[in-house]
Amino acid sequence: MEQNGYTEESYEAWRDNALEEVGIPDMELPGMDELVEKKLLLGVLADAMDSLLPEERELAMKVFGEEMSVYEYARVKGGNRRTLDFRKNKVMEKLRHFFRERGFDV
């Protein structure tokens, strides 16, 4: 590349400008503080999921994690949609309570 007149700096400038022109913002590597914060939040989320009963955890993973509709989940599980929707709301309330106890505003 250097034989053709390109330098690392010119490549980075071209790359950043080219990405922004197609609508991709300049993506810098996250800082150490941001990585530590994400790791802590993922730990709290794991603890929250562990606080649920196994069937509640499965419902949460499918409906919230995989974005499966309650109707589709009810069809797959062979359950009543209204009952599962009620359980989904109860799981959400449990998770909200869990996060509020740990100082998170949800």
C-alpha atoms as a PDB file:
ATOM      1  CA  MET A   1       0.000   0.000   0.000  1.00  0.00           C
ATOM      2  CA  GLU A   2       2.785   2.408   0.891  1.00  0.00           C
ATOM      3  CA  GLN A   3       4.379   1.869  -2.535  1.00  0.00           C
ATOM      4  CA  ASN A   4       1.155   3.244  -4.064  1.00  0.00           C
ATOM      5  CA  GLY A   5       1.244   6.335  -1.838  1.00  0.00           C
ATOM      6  CA  TYR A   6      -1.189   5.163   0.807  1.00  0.00           C
ATOM      7  CA  THR A   7      -0.471   5.623   4.487  1.00  0.00           C
ATOM      8  CA  GLU A   8      -2.262   4.239   7.480  1.00  0.00           C
ATOM      9  CA  GLU A   9      -3.569   7.719   8.305  1.00  0.00           C
ATOM     10  CA  SER A  10      -4.940   8.305   4.792  1.00  0.00           C
ATOM     11  CA  TYR A  11      -6.639   4.914   4.828  1.00  0.00           C
ATOM     12  CA  GLU A  12      -8.280   5.649   8.195  1.00  0.00           C
ATOM     13  CA  ALA A  13      -9.472   9.062   6.970  1.00  0.00           C
ATOM     14  CA  TRP A  14     -10.873   7.497   3.795  1.00  0.00           C
ATOM     15  CA  ARG A  15     -12.538   4.694   5.751  1.00  0.00           C
ATOM     16  CA  ASP A  16     -14.170   7.029   8.264  1.00  0.00           C
ATOM     17  CA  ASN A  17     -15.439   9.374   5.575  1.00  0.00           C
ATOM     18  CA  ALA A  18     -16.678   6.525   3.342  1.00  0.00           C
ATOM     19  CA  LEU A  19     -18.591   4.922   6.184  1.00  0.00           C
ATOM     20  CA  GLU A  20     -20.270   8.174   7.181  1.00  0.00           C
ATOM     21  CA  GLU A  21     -21.342   8.831   3.572  1.00  0.00           C
ATOM     22  CA  VAL A  22     -23.325   5.566   3.494  1.00  0.00           C
ATOM     23  CA  GLY A  23     -24.950   6.244   6.865  1.00  0.00           C
ATOM     24  CA  ILE A  24     -22.667   4.234   9.120  1.00  0.00           C
ATOM     25  CA  PRO A  25     -21.454   6.381  12.024  1.00  0.00           C
ATOM     26  CA  ASP A  26     -17.825   6.444  13.068  1.00  0.00           C
ATOM     27  CA  MET A  27     -17.463   3.410  15.307  1.00  0.00           C
ATOM     28  CA  GLU A  28     -14.695   3.737  17.842  1.00  0.00           C
ATOM     29  CA  LEU A  29     -13.664   0.888  20.053  1.00  0.00           C
ATOM     30  CA  PRO A  30     -15.421   1.063  23.422  1.00  0.00           C
ATOM     31  CA  GLY A  31     -13.400   2.305  26.358  1.00  0.00           C
ATOM     32  CA  MET A  32     -12.519   0.211  29.372  1.00  0.00           C
ATOM     33  CA  ASP A  33     -15.170   1.924  31.515  1.00  0.00           C
ATOM     34  CA  GLU A  34     -17.881   1.088  28.993  1.00  0.00           C
ATOM     35  CA  LEU A  35     -16.769  -2.551  28.800  1.00  0.00           C
ATOM     36  CA  VAL A  36     -16.757  -2.884  32.603  1.00  0.00           C
ATOM     37  CA  GLU A  37     -20.226  -1.325  32.818  1.00  0.00           C
ATOM     38  CA  LYS A  38     -21.598  -3.715  30.186  1.00  0.00           C
ATOM     39  CA  LYS A  39     -20.087  -6.687  32.002  1.00  0.00           C
ATOM     40  CA  LEU A  40     -21.678  -5.577  35.287  1.00  0.00           C
ATOM     41  CA  LEU A  41     -25.059  -5.082  33.630  1.00  0.00           C
ATOM     42  CA  LEU A  42     -24.875  -8.494  31.991  1.00  0.00           C
ATOM     43  CA  GLY A  43     -24.119  -9.979  35.393  1.00  0.00           C
ATOM     44  CA  VAL A  44     -27.177  -8.300  36.892  1.00  0.00           C
ATOM     45  CA  LEU A  45     -29.299  -9.552  33.989  1.00  0.00           C
ATOM     46  CA  ALA A  46     -27.992 -13.096  34.520  1.00  0.00           C
ATOM     47  CA  ASP A  47     -28.863 -12.845  38.227  1.00  0.00           C
ATOM     48  CA  ALA A  48     -32.332 -11.569  37.320  1.00  0.00           C
ATOM     49  CA  MET A  49     -32.919 -14.492  34.979  1.00  0.00           C
ATOM     50  CA  ASP A  50     -31.652 -16.922  37.628  1.00  0.00           C
ATOM     51  CA  SER A  51     -34.231 -15.517  40.064  1.00  0.00           C
ATOM     52  CA  LEU A  52     -37.064 -16.748  37.827  1.00  0.00           C
ATOM     53  CA  LEU A  53     -38.625 -20.198  37.885  1.00  0.00           C
ATOM     54  CA  PRO A  54     -37.587 -22.405  34.935  1.00  0.00           C
ATOM     55  CA  GLU A  55     -40.904 -21.991  33.086  1.00  0.00           C
ATOM     56  CA  GLU A  56     -40.796 -18.222  33.693  1.00  0.00           C
ATOM     57  CA  ARG A  57     -37.225 -18.090  32.396  1.00  0.00           C
ATOM     58  CA  GLU A  58     -38.213 -19.993  29.241  1.00  0.00           C
ATOM     59  CA  LEU A  59     -41.147 -17.643  28.649  1.00  0.00           C
ATOM     60  CA  ALA A  60     -38.919 -14.592  29.143  1.00  0.00           C
ATOM     61  CA  MET A  61     -36.211 -15.939  26.824  1.00  0.00           C
ATOM     62  CA  LYS A  62     -38.692 -16.705  24.048  1.00  0.00           C
ATOM     63  CA  VAL A  63     -40.914 -13.622  24.293  1.00  0.00           C
ATOM     64  CA  PHE A  64     -38.335 -10.981  25.258  1.00  0.00           C
ATOM     65  CA  GLY A  65     -35.055 -12.481  24.055  1.00  0.00           C
ATOM     66  CA  GLU A  66     -36.144 -14.101  20.808  1.00  0.00           C
ATOM     67  CA  GLU A  67     -39.051 -11.665  20.294  1.00  0.00           C
ATOM     68  CA  MET A  68     -41.537 -14.493  19.794  1.00  0.00           C
ATOM     69  CA  SER A  69     -45.133 -13.350  20.139  1.00  0.00           C
ATOM     70  CA  VAL A  70     -47.168 -14.662  23.054  1.00  0.00           C
ATOM     71  CA  TYR A  71     -49.638 -16.081  20.511  1.00  0.00           C
ATOM     72  CA  GLU A  72     -46.878 -18.026  18.753  1.00  0.00           C
ATOM     73  CA  TYR A  73     -45.397 -19.194  22.062  1.00  0.00           C
ATOM     74  CA  ALA A  74     -48.833 -20.382  23.194  1.00  0.00           C
ATOM     75  CA  ARG A  75     -49.264 -22.295  19.951  1.00  0.00           C
ATOM     76  CA  VAL A  76     -45.853 -23.970  20.292  1.00  0.00           C
ATOM     77  CA  LYS A  77     -46.379 -24.835  23.974  1.00  0.00           C
ATOM     78  CA  GLY A  78     -50.018 -25.833  23.503  1.00  0.00           C
ATOM     79  CA  GLY A  79     -51.160 -23.337  26.145  1.00  0.00           C
ATOM     80  CA  ASN A  80     -53.816 -20.660  26.352  1.00  0.00           C
ATOM     81  CA  ARG A  81     -52.670 -17.312  24.940  1.00  0.00           C
ATOM     82  CA  ARG A  82     -54.451 -15.299  27.615  1.00  0.00           C
ATOM     83  CA  THR A  83     -52.923 -17.367  30.411  1.00  0.00           C
ATOM     84  CA  LEU A  84     -49.433 -17.016  28.944  1.00  0.00           C
ATOM     85  CA  ASP A  85     -49.951 -13.288  28.434  1.00  0.00           C
ATOM     86  CA  PHE A  86     -50.898 -13.015  32.119  1.00  0.00           C
ATOM     87  CA  ARG A  87     -47.761 -14.999  33.076  1.00  0.00           C
ATOM     88  CA  LYS A  88     -45.620 -12.774  30.812  1.00  0.00           C
ATOM     89  CA  ASN A  89     -46.898  -9.707  32.669  1.00  0.00           C
ATOM     90  CA  LYS A  90     -46.118 -11.367  36.011  1.00  0.00           C
ATOM     91  CA  VAL A  91     -42.576 -12.183  34.827  1.00  0.00           C
ATOM     92  CA  MET A  92     -42.118  -8.562  33.751  1.00  0.00           C
ATOM     93  CA  GLU A  93     -43.259  -7.377  37.167  1.00  0.00           C
ATOM     94  CA  LYS A  94     -40.824  -9.768  38.894  1.00  0.00           C
ATOM     95  CA  LEU A  95     -37.957  -8.509  36.737  1.00  0.00           C
ATOM     96  CA  ARG A  96     -38.896  -4.868  37.357  1.00  0.00           C
ATOM     97  CA  HIS A  97     -38.961  -5.525  41.096  1.00  0.00           C
ATOM     98  CA  PHE A  98     -35.576  -7.281  40.892  1.00  0.00           C
ATOM     99  CA  PHE A  99     -33.963  -4.343  39.075  1.00  0.00           C
ATOM    100  CA  ARG A 100     -35.552  -1.693  41.310  1.00  0.00           C
ATOM    101  CA  GLU A 101     -34.212  -3.475  44.399  1.00  0.00           C
ATOM    102  CA  ARG A 102     -30.736  -3.115  42.915  1.00  0.00           C
ATOM    103  CA  GLY A 103     -31.129   0.577  42.145  1.00  0.00           C
ATOM    104  CA  PHE A 104     -31.957   0.445  38.441  1.00  0.00           C
ATOM    105  CA  ASP A 105     -34.706   2.730  37.179  1.00  0.00           C
ATOM    106  CA  VAL A 106     -37.014   0.689  34.950  1.00  0.00           C
END
